[in-house]
């Protein structure tokens, strides 16, 4: 099996046809808190982002992959490597399953499993890390289930409309080295 596949998903590169779905997902304020976004993206900017994905990931320091359901062939979310650090062999990870109906189907777990395998076996990274809001227990459980360890807590790190949220930093050091 391809390093970017599991039994239920495949991870694929962004295609120009993905602009409409990215436009919907990236411009949903529900997602902004997790991605650190505070303003909408234009289709023009998203087209340029998709176009930039053709460059070497060590040049752009990022890679976004679409999570596609193998059974339906439908995009269900995205998974990202960002802040790729070629010198220290590490990268940040972010995952989004957009529709509520697709949550709890194993897509995020399978995508993260495939990305970990790809990152360590193909890219030769030494570690992956992520930041997760303290109230996002589903994501905390997901990353912990893949052996990510909480290595820090940033107090009152993210402002909401009514309060502040803490944010955990988690890390996975390559167990295969």
Protein backbone atom coordinates (compact mmCIF):
# COMPACT_ATOMS: atom_id res chain seq x y z
CA UNK A 1 0.00 0.00 0.00
CA UNK A 2 1.12 3.53 -0.80
CA UNK A 3 2.57 5.46 2.19
CA UNK A 4 -0.19 8.05 1.75
CA UNK A 5 -3.05 5.54 1.96
CA UNK A 6 -4.78 3.40 4.52
CA UNK A 7 -7.69 1.02 4.12
CA UNK A 8 -10.25 3.89 4.29
CA UNK A 9 -8.49 7.04 3.01
CA UNK A 10 -5.94 8.29 0.59
CA UNK A 11 -4.03 11.52 0.91
CA UNK A 12 -3.59 13.40 -2.33
CA UNK A 13 -2.14 16.67 -3.53
CA UNK A 14 -4.33 19.72 -3.98
CA UNK A 15 -5.84 20.11 -7.45
CA UNK A 16 -7.10 23.34 -9.06
CA UNK A 17 -10.65 21.91 -8.79
CA UNK A 18 -10.30 21.96 -4.98
CA UNK A 19 -10.55 25.75 -4.85
CA UNK A 20 -14.33 25.73 -4.22
CA UNK A 21 -14.16 23.27 -1.35
CA UNK A 22 -11.17 25.09 0.19
CA UNK A 23 -13.07 28.35 -0.18
CA UNK A 24 -15.96 26.89 1.83
CA UNK A 25 -13.78 25.26 4.48
CA UNK A 26 -11.25 28.07 4.96
CA UNK A 27 -13.97 30.74 5.18
CA UNK A 28 -16.00 29.01 7.87
CA UNK A 29 -15.51 30.93 11.14
CA UNK A 30 -15.89 27.62 13.07
CA UNK A 31 -12.49 26.61 11.68
CA UNK A 32 -10.73 29.93 12.26
CA UNK A 33 -10.01 29.44 15.96
CA UNK A 34 -8.11 26.24 15.26
CA UNK A 35 -6.18 27.63 12.30
CA UNK A 36 -5.42 31.06 13.73
CA UNK A 37 -7.35 32.77 10.96
CA UNK A 38 -9.34 35.96 11.56
CA UNK A 39 -10.32 37.00 8.03
CA UNK A 40 -11.76 35.26 4.97
CA UNK A 41 -9.70 34.09 2.00
CA UNK A 42 -10.51 35.04 -1.58
CA UNK A 43 -10.62 32.42 -4.32
CA UNK A 44 -7.72 34.27 -5.90
CA UNK A 45 -5.55 33.74 -2.80
CA UNK A 46 -6.61 30.09 -2.56
CA UNK A 47 -5.79 29.50 -6.24
CA UNK A 48 -2.33 30.97 -5.60
CA UNK A 49 -1.95 28.72 -2.54
CA UNK A 50 -2.87 25.64 -4.59
CA UNK A 51 -0.42 26.75 -7.29
CA UNK A 52 2.36 27.15 -4.69
CA UNK A 53 1.96 23.52 -3.69
CA UNK A 54 3.81 22.47 -6.85
CA UNK A 55 7.07 23.77 -5.38
CA UNK A 56 9.46 21.78 -3.21
CA UNK A 57 8.14 21.45 0.35
CA UNK A 58 11.55 22.46 1.68
CA UNK A 59 11.20 25.72 -0.24
CA UNK A 60 7.60 26.49 0.76
CA UNK A 61 7.99 24.87 4.22
CA UNK A 62 4.47 23.47 3.98
CA UNK A 63 2.38 20.78 2.36
CA UNK A 64 -1.39 20.43 2.39
CA UNK A 65 -2.98 17.14 1.39
CA UNK A 66 -6.63 16.40 0.79
CA UNK A 67 -8.08 13.53 2.81
CA UNK A 68 -10.23 11.54 0.40
CA UNK A 69 -12.60 8.76 1.43
CA UNK A 70 -11.74 5.61 -0.51
CA UNK A 71 -15.32 4.36 -0.43
CA UNK A 72 -16.90 7.51 -1.88
CA UNK A 73 -13.93 9.24 -3.53
CA UNK A 74 -15.10 12.41 -1.79
CA UNK A 75 -12.82 14.92 -0.02
CA UNK A 76 -13.60 14.87 3.71
CA UNK A 77 -10.85 17.14 4.99
CA UNK A 78 -7.24 18.20 4.83
CA UNK A 79 -4.04 17.41 6.67
CA UNK A 80 -1.08 19.74 6.71
CA UNK A 81 2.60 19.73 7.39
CA UNK A 82 3.66 23.30 8.14
CA UNK A 83 6.70 25.13 9.48
CA UNK A 84 8.77 22.35 7.95
CA UNK A 85 12.27 22.77 9.35
CA UNK A 86 14.74 20.93 7.10
CA UNK A 87 17.71 21.61 9.37
CA UNK A 88 16.09 20.19 12.52
CA UNK A 89 14.01 17.61 10.62
CA UNK A 90 10.66 18.56 12.16
CA UNK A 91 7.26 19.88 11.12
CA UNK A 92 3.96 20.94 12.58
CA UNK A 93 0.82 18.93 11.83
CA UNK A 94 -2.79 20.07 11.49
CA UNK A 95 -5.84 18.06 10.50
CA UNK A 96 -9.39 19.08 9.58
CA UNK A 97 -12.42 16.89 9.04
CA UNK A 98 -14.97 19.46 7.94
CA UNK A 99 -18.48 17.97 7.93
CA UNK A 100 -19.96 16.78 11.24
CA UNK A 101 -21.27 13.67 9.44
CA UNK A 102 -17.68 12.69 8.58
CA UNK A 103 -16.42 13.03 12.16
CA UNK A 104 -16.02 9.80 14.09
CA UNK A 105 -15.60 7.73 10.91
CA UNK A 106 -11.87 7.15 11.38
CA UNK A 107 -10.80 9.58 8.65
CA UNK A 108 -8.66 11.81 10.88
CA UNK A 109 -7.03 8.84 12.60
CA UNK A 110 -6.23 7.16 9.30
CA UNK A 111 -4.95 10.38 7.75
CA UNK A 112 -2.71 11.08 10.73
CA UNK A 113 -1.43 7.50 10.66
CA UNK A 114 -0.54 7.84 6.97
CA UNK A 115 1.06 11.28 7.45
CA UNK A 116 3.20 10.02 10.33
CA UNK A 117 4.40 7.09 8.22
CA UNK A 118 5.12 9.40 5.25
CA UNK A 119 6.88 11.99 7.43
CA UNK A 120 9.21 9.51 9.10
CA UNK A 121 9.79 6.95 6.35
CA UNK A 122 9.76 9.11 3.20
CA UNK A 123 10.67 12.63 4.37
CA UNK A 124 13.08 11.41 7.05
CA UNK A 125 11.76 13.79 9.70
CA UNK A 126 12.85 13.31 13.30
CA UNK A 127 9.74 14.74 14.91
CA UNK A 128 6.24 16.09 14.43
CA UNK A 129 4.47 18.56 16.68
CA UNK A 130 1.05 20.15 17.00
CA UNK A 131 -0.79 22.77 19.02
CA UNK A 132 -4.27 21.92 20.29
CA UNK A 133 -6.72 24.12 22.18
CA UNK A 134 -7.44 22.82 25.67
CA UNK A 135 -11.17 22.48 24.96
CA UNK A 136 -10.60 20.32 21.84
CA UNK A 137 -10.68 16.94 23.57
CA UNK A 138 -11.39 15.09 20.33
CA UNK A 139 -8.12 16.32 18.78
CA UNK A 140 -6.18 15.77 22.00
CA UNK A 141 -7.41 12.17 22.09
CA UNK A 142 -6.60 11.69 18.40
CA UNK A 143 -3.01 12.83 18.70
CA UNK A 144 -2.45 11.00 21.98
CA UNK A 145 -3.75 7.81 20.33
CA UNK A 146 -0.87 8.17 17.83
CA UNK A 147 1.67 8.48 20.68
CA UNK A 148 2.02 12.26 20.64
CA UNK A 149 2.98 13.47 24.12
CA UNK A 150 1.93 16.72 25.76
CA UNK A 151 5.15 18.67 26.26
CA UNK A 152 3.78 22.06 27.23
CA UNK A 153 0.79 24.21 28.11
CA UNK A 154 0.47 27.80 26.94
CA UNK A 155 -1.83 29.60 29.39
CA UNK A 156 -4.55 31.90 28.02
CA UNK A 157 -2.96 31.56 24.59
CA UNK A 158 -5.98 32.06 22.31
CA UNK A 159 -8.58 34.76 22.71
CA UNK A 160 -12.24 33.93 22.12
CA UNK A 161 -15.09 36.43 21.94
CA UNK A 162 -15.75 35.97 25.67
CA UNK A 163 -12.66 34.43 27.26
CA UNK A 164 -9.18 32.95 26.79
CA UNK A 165 -8.22 29.35 26.03
CA UNK A 166 -5.10 27.46 26.96
CA UNK A 167 -3.26 25.58 24.23
CA UNK A 168 -1.31 22.34 24.53
CA UNK A 169 1.82 21.57 22.54
CA UNK A 170 2.28 17.91 21.67
CA UNK A 171 5.26 16.17 20.11
CA UNK A 172 6.04 12.84 18.49
CA UNK A 173 9.69 11.90 18.12
CA UNK A 174 10.34 9.37 15.37
CA UNK A 175 10.15 5.95 17.05
CA UNK A 176 11.67 4.27 13.97
CA UNK A 177 15.11 5.87 14.09
